[in-house]
Amino acid sequence: MSPLIVALLVFVVLMFLGMPIVFVMTFSSLSYCVAAGKAAFLMVVIEKMFRGMDSFVLLAIPMFIMCGEVMNRGGITTAIVRFADLLVGRVKGGLAYVNTLASTFFAGITGSALSDIASLGSILIPSMEKQGYDKDFSCAVTAATAIQGPLIPPSIPAVLVASATGLSTGALFWGGAVPGILIGLGSAIVIFVEGRFREFPKRTEPIPFKEAVRVTLNSILPLMTVVIIMVGMSSGGFTPTEAAAVALVYPNADPVYHHGFCDPDPHNGVPGYRLDAASDVRLLLKTR
């Protein structure tokens, strides 16, 4: 049997068994070497695996992931949703626009679509259903707008591409910012068109001025994360990895943590949980 066919069979079988993709790729590659009679290649597997993740740039990934988790557990997700609701909540279909705008803001913090869906979806999907939006539409808006996460900096896929190709991480960040924002605008246009044919609800009660000021102040500093990263990198102040470290330290000095939004211990359980997620990414890079 052809070694390539053996590798494909192993790949398909392990995928159907539900094995993590990193191990599927590892075992399918090893099966190809064995079937091709090139067992000598196995001698350099360990070296290749460690060389695949031996990159200073890749250290940014676990720090960006942990930054998003710390902010989420600290209550900044709620602050961002409130700020988006303050801006667009009173128009027809307001909560759908809030979902879109919050995704744009949150993308500048986490750099991940899955984090966006998990954090905002748990808050906004039930709220949209409660206001009368159907579940399919609520989930569709959340999933579609979350695509901004991997595009708007800090983008985890951009860090991976920069590591693999040697391209400038800062240039990739800037290159993803405009398409990410355009996706948000495109989603808003679709919501507007849908609203012409469907009876979308809107928030009727105004937000008091003092509350509006409080919500704005509590949201500005978290949203400055992406500004700090982009300005610092563009000015040569720090590298992508150093930018990730700054982004991770920054939430700890954020006054939002002292304004009632937050978990009193937002770091509880974060290192182990987020490093576990980051290790999956780095293991995958070993097999490239």
Protein backbone atom coordinates (compact mmCIF):
# COMPACT_ATOMS: atom_id res chain seq x y z
CA MET A 1 0.00 0.00 0.00
CA SER A 2 1.24 3.48 -0.80
CA PRO A 3 2.74 5.32 2.22
CA LEU A 4 0.62 8.35 1.33
CA ILE A 5 -2.57 6.28 1.46
CA VAL A 6 -1.50 4.81 4.82
CA ALA A 7 -0.93 8.30 6.22
CA LEU A 8 -4.32 9.51 4.92
CA LEU A 9 -6.11 6.48 6.39
CA VAL A 10 -4.48 7.05 9.77
CA PHE A 11 -5.40 10.74 9.57
CA VAL A 12 -9.07 10.05 8.72
CA VAL A 13 -9.51 7.27 11.30
CA LEU A 14 -7.98 9.29 14.14
CA MET A 15 -10.06 12.34 13.20
CA PHE A 16 -13.27 10.27 13.34
CA LEU A 17 -12.18 8.92 16.73
CA GLY A 18 -12.04 12.48 18.03
CA MET A 19 -8.32 12.65 18.73
CA PRO A 20 -6.90 16.21 19.04
CA ILE A 21 -5.61 17.48 15.71
CA VAL A 22 -2.05 17.87 16.97
CA PHE A 23 -1.79 14.14 17.68
CA VAL A 24 -3.61 13.25 14.45
CA MET A 25 -0.97 15.12 12.47
CA THR A 26 1.85 13.58 14.50
CA PHE A 27 0.73 9.97 14.13
CA SER A 28 -0.17 10.34 10.45
CA SER A 29 3.33 11.72 9.75
CA LEU A 30 4.96 8.91 11.72
CA SER A 31 2.89 6.31 9.89
CA TYR A 32 4.09 7.72 6.57
CA CYS A 33 7.74 7.41 7.64
CA VAL A 34 7.26 3.82 8.80
CA ALA A 35 5.27 2.77 5.70
CA ALA A 36 7.85 4.37 3.40
CA GLY A 37 10.68 2.52 5.12
CA LYS A 38 12.30 5.76 6.16
CA ALA A 39 12.62 5.01 9.84
CA ALA A 40 15.80 7.11 9.90
CA PHE A 41 13.59 10.19 9.69
CA LEU A 42 12.27 9.35 13.14
CA MET A 43 15.69 10.20 14.56
CA VAL A 44 15.16 13.87 13.78
CA VAL A 45 11.50 14.08 14.81
CA ILE A 46 12.24 15.47 18.27
CA GLU A 47 14.66 18.02 16.86
CA LYS A 48 12.12 19.15 14.26
CA MET A 49 9.37 19.36 16.85
CA PHE A 50 11.33 21.67 19.11
CA ARG A 51 12.63 23.70 16.19
CA GLY A 52 9.04 24.27 15.12
CA MET A 53 8.23 26.10 18.35
CA ASP A 54 11.66 27.66 19.00
CA SER A 55 10.54 31.18 18.23
CA PHE A 56 10.57 34.27 20.42
CA VAL A 57 7.56 35.63 18.52
CA LEU A 58 5.44 32.64 19.52
CA LEU A 59 5.74 33.60 23.18
CA ALA A 60 3.20 36.31 22.37
CA ILE A 61 0.44 33.74 21.85
CA PRO A 62 -0.03 32.49 25.44
CA MET A 63 0.22 36.06 26.74
CA PHE A 64 -2.43 37.40 24.33
CA ILE A 65 -4.68 34.45 25.20
CA MET A 66 -4.19 35.01 28.93
CA CYS A 67 -4.77 38.76 28.53
CA GLY A 68 -8.18 38.12 26.99
CA GLU A 69 -9.12 35.64 29.70
CA VAL A 70 -8.04 37.96 32.53
CA MET A 71 -10.07 40.82 31.03
CA ASN A 72 -13.09 38.57 30.53
CA ARG A 73 -13.01 37.25 34.10
CA GLY A 74 -12.36 40.76 35.38
CA GLY A 75 -15.70 41.96 34.01
CA ILE A 76 -14.39 44.03 31.11
CA THR A 77 -16.64 42.09 28.72
CA THR A 78 -19.67 43.44 30.58
CA ALA A 79 -18.23 46.97 30.47
CA ILE A 80 -17.73 46.76 26.70
CA VAL A 81 -21.26 45.46 26.13
CA ARG A 82 -22.68 48.31 28.22
CA PHE A 83 -20.64 50.85 26.26
CA ALA A 84 -21.83 49.44 22.92
CA ASP A 85 -25.41 49.52 24.20
CA LEU A 86 -24.90 53.17 25.19
CA LEU A 87 -23.83 54.02 21.62
CA VAL A 88 -26.33 52.10 19.48
CA GLY A 89 -28.82 50.44 21.82
CA ARG A 90 -31.71 52.83 21.16
CA VAL A 91 -31.94 52.31 17.39
CA LYS A 92 -34.19 49.66 15.84
CA GLY A 93 -32.44 46.32 16.16
CA GLY A 94 -30.21 47.93 18.75
CA LEU A 95 -29.08 44.75 20.50
CA ALA A 96 -27.98 43.23 17.17
CA TYR A 97 -25.87 46.33 16.54
CA VAL A 98 -24.57 46.08 20.11
CA ASN A 99 -23.49 42.52 19.35
CA THR A 100 -21.63 43.69 16.23
CA LEU A 101 -19.97 46.69 17.87
CA ALA A 102 -19.02 44.75 20.99
CA SER A 103 -17.38 42.11 18.78
CA THR A 104 -15.33 44.83 17.10
CA PHE A 105 -14.21 46.19 20.46
CA PHE A 106 -13.55 42.77 21.93
CA ALA A 107 -11.52 41.70 18.89
CA GLY A 108 -9.01 44.39 19.82
CA ILE A 109 -8.46 42.68 23.15
CA THR A 110 -8.43 38.93 22.56
CA GLY A 111 -7.43 38.35 18.93
CA SER A 112 -9.50 35.18 18.82
CA ALA A 113 -12.91 34.38 17.33
CA LEU A 114 -13.59 31.59 19.84
CA SER A 115 -12.92 33.91 22.79
CA ASP A 116 -15.27 36.45 21.24
CA ILE A 117 -18.07 33.89 20.82
CA ALA A 118 -17.59 32.40 24.28
CA SER A 119 -17.44 35.74 26.08
CA LEU A 120 -20.01 37.81 24.22
CA GLY A 121 -22.29 34.97 23.15
CA SER A 122 -22.97 33.91 26.73
CA ILE A 123 -24.19 37.44 27.48
CA LEU A 124 -25.79 38.68 24.27
CA ILE A 125 -27.52 35.61 22.82
CA PRO A 126 -29.79 35.10 25.88
CA SER A 127 -30.41 38.87 26.01
CA MET A 128 -31.38 38.97 22.33
CA GLU A 129 -33.74 36.02 22.72
CA LYS A 130 -35.31 37.68 25.76
CA GLN A 131 -36.00 40.84 23.72
CA GLY A 132 -37.70 38.86 20.95
CA TYR A 133 -34.96 38.00 18.46
CA ASP A 134 -35.13 34.42 17.25
CA LYS A 135 -32.34 32.10 18.33
CA ASP A 136 -31.05 31.42 14.81
CA PHE A 137 -30.58 35.13 14.11
CA SER A 138 -28.95 35.76 17.49
CA CYS A 139 -26.44 32.95 17.00
CA ALA A 140 -25.79 33.97 13.38
CA VAL A 141 -24.97 37.57 14.34
CA THR A 142 -22.66 36.42 17.12
CA ALA A 143 -20.82 33.92 14.93
CA ALA A 144 -20.53 36.22 11.90
CA THR A 145 -19.23 39.22 13.81
CA ALA A 146 -16.76 37.09 15.80
CA ILE A 147 -14.75 36.65 12.59
CA GLN A 148 -13.32 40.09 13.36
CA GLY A 149 -11.36 38.50 16.23
CA PRO A 150 -8.56 36.91 14.16
CA LEU A 151 -8.25 40.04 11.96
CA ILE A 152 -8.28 43.07 14.23
CA PRO A 153 -5.02 43.26 16.21
CA PRO A 154 -3.80 41.71 18.40
CA SER A 155 -4.39 38.80 16.02
CA ILE A 156 -3.16 35.36 17.07
CA PRO A 157 -3.19 34.00 13.47
CA ALA A 158 -1.06 37.01 12.43
CA VAL A 159 1.53 36.05 15.05
CA LEU A 160 1.55 32.47 13.72
CA VAL A 161 1.97 33.66 10.11
CA ALA A 162 4.77 36.04 11.11
CA SER A 163 6.55 33.22 12.93
CA ALA A 164 6.24 30.82 9.98
CA THR A 165 7.13 33.27 7.19
CA GLY A 166 9.35 35.89 8.80
CA LEU A 167 6.98 38.71 7.84
CA SER A 168 6.59 41.75 10.06
CA THR A 169 4.04 41.13 12.81
CA GLY A 170 3.22 44.83 12.96
CA ALA A 171 2.56 44.95 9.22
CA LEU A 172 0.28 41.91 9.47
CA PHE A 173 -1.57 43.56 12.37
CA TRP A 174 -2.17 46.72 10.34
CA GLY A 175 -3.13 44.65 7.30
CA GLY A 176 -5.87 42.87 9.25
CA ALA A 177 -7.32 45.93 10.96
CA VAL A 178 -9.19 47.41 7.97
CA PRO A 179 -10.74 44.11 6.75
CA GLY A 180 -11.84 43.38 10.33
CA ILE A 181 -13.59 46.72 10.63
CA LEU A 182 -15.17 46.26 7.19
CA ILE A 183 -16.62 42.92 8.33
CA GLY A 184 -18.24 44.74 11.24
CA LEU A 185 -19.66 47.41 8.92
CA GLY A 186 -20.90 44.74 6.51
CA SER A 187 -22.65 42.93 9.35
CA ALA A 188 -24.30 46.19 10.42
CA ILE A 189 -25.57 46.72 6.86
CA VAL A 190 -27.08 43.22 6.81
CA ILE A 191 -28.80 43.91 10.16
CA PHE A 192 -30.15 47.21 8.79
CA VAL A 193 -31.57 45.49 5.69
CA GLU A 194 -33.07 42.70 7.81
CA GLY A 195 -34.62 45.33 10.04
CA ARG A 196 -36.53 46.80 7.11
CA PHE A 197 -38.50 43.56 6.76
CA ARG A 198 -38.63 42.35 10.37
CA GLU A 199 -39.89 43.94 13.56
CA PHE A 200 -36.69 44.23 15.54
CA PRO A 201 -37.06 45.61 19.08
CA LYS A 202 -35.13 48.56 20.47
CA ARG A 203 -34.28 49.92 23.88
CA THR A 204 -36.75 52.67 24.79
CA GLU A 205 -35.55 53.78 28.21
CA PRO A 206 -32.68 56.32 28.22
CA ILE A 207 -29.49 55.79 30.17
CA PRO A 208 -29.00 58.48 32.85
CA PHE A 209 -26.16 60.92 32.19
CA LYS A 210 -24.15 59.87 35.25
CA GLU A 211 -24.45 56.21 34.29
CA ALA A 212 -23.44 57.03 30.71
CA VAL A 213 -20.30 58.80 31.94
CA ARG A 214 -19.49 55.90 34.25
CA VAL A 215 -19.93 53.31 31.50
CA THR A 216 -17.78 55.37 29.10
CA LEU A 217 -14.95 55.82 31.57
CA ASN A 218 -15.00 52.14 32.48
CA SER A 219 -14.73 51.18 28.81
CA ILE A 220 -12.11 53.59 27.50
CA LEU A 221 -9.13 52.08 29.29
CA PRO A 222 -9.80 48.48 28.22
CA LEU A 223 -10.27 49.65 24.63
CA MET A 224 -6.89 51.39 24.80
CA THR A 225 -5.21 47.97 24.80
CA VAL A 226 -5.09 47.76 21.02
CA VAL A 227 -3.88 51.37 20.78
CA ILE A 228 -1.01 50.68 23.17
CA ILE A 229 -0.03 47.57 21.21
CA MET A 230 -0.16 49.18 17.76
CA VAL A 231 1.49 52.49 18.72
CA GLY A 232 4.20 50.70 20.68
CA MET A 233 5.01 48.32 17.84
CA SER A 234 4.78 50.95 15.09
CA SER A 235 7.07 53.32 16.97
CA GLY A 236 9.61 50.57 17.62
CA GLY A 237 8.99 50.78 21.34
CA PHE A 238 8.64 47.03 21.72
CA THR A 239 8.46 43.77 19.80
CA PRO A 240 5.26 41.71 19.36
CA THR A 241 6.21 39.52 22.32
CA GLU A 242 6.92 42.56 24.49
CA ALA A 243 3.62 44.06 23.30
CA ALA A 244 1.85 40.91 24.48
CA ALA A 245 3.55 41.21 27.87
CA VAL A 246 2.46 44.85 28.15
CA ALA A 247 -1.09 43.87 27.18
CA LEU A 248 -1.08 41.22 29.91
CA VAL A 249 0.20 43.58 32.60
CA TYR A 250 -2.02 46.49 31.54
CA PRO A 251 -5.37 45.07 32.82
CA ASN A 252 -3.94 44.78 36.33
CA ALA A 253 -3.58 48.56 36.48
CA ASP A 254 -7.02 49.16 34.94
CA PRO A 255 -9.42 51.01 37.29
CA VAL A 256 -12.33 48.93 35.91
CA TYR A 257 -11.16 46.27 38.34
CA HIS A 258 -12.10 48.62 41.16
CA HIS A 259 -15.48 49.83 39.90
CA GLY A 260 -17.70 46.90 40.74
CA PHE A 261 -17.67 45.11 37.41
CA CYS A 262 -15.08 42.55 38.28
CA ASP A 263 -14.53 39.21 39.86
CA PRO A 264 -12.59 39.94 43.08
CA ASP A 265 -9.98 37.41 41.94
CA PRO A 266 -9.97 37.49 38.11
CA HIS A 267 -6.69 35.56 37.98
CA ASN A 268 -8.09 32.55 39.83
CA GLY A 269 -7.52 29.51 37.62
CA VAL A 270 -6.48 31.57 34.59
CA PRO A 271 -2.81 30.56 34.25
CA GLY A 272 -3.45 26.83 34.14
CA TYR A 273 -6.55 27.12 31.94
CA ARG A 274 -5.07 29.52 29.40
CA LEU A 275 -1.60 27.93 29.30
CA ASP A 276 -3.35 24.65 28.54
CA ALA A 277 -5.04 26.31 25.55
CA ALA A 278 -1.78 27.90 24.44
CA SER A 279 0.06 24.58 24.71
CA ASP A 280 -2.36 23.09 22.16
CA VAL A 281 -1.30 25.81 19.70
CA ARG A 282 2.41 25.28 20.32
CA LEU A 283 2.12 21.51 20.02
CA LEU A 284 0.44 22.03 16.67
CA LEU A 285 3.35 24.19 15.57
CA LYS A 286 5.76 21.40 16.45
CA THR A 287 4.21 19.20 13.78
CA ARG A 288 4.50 21.72 10.95
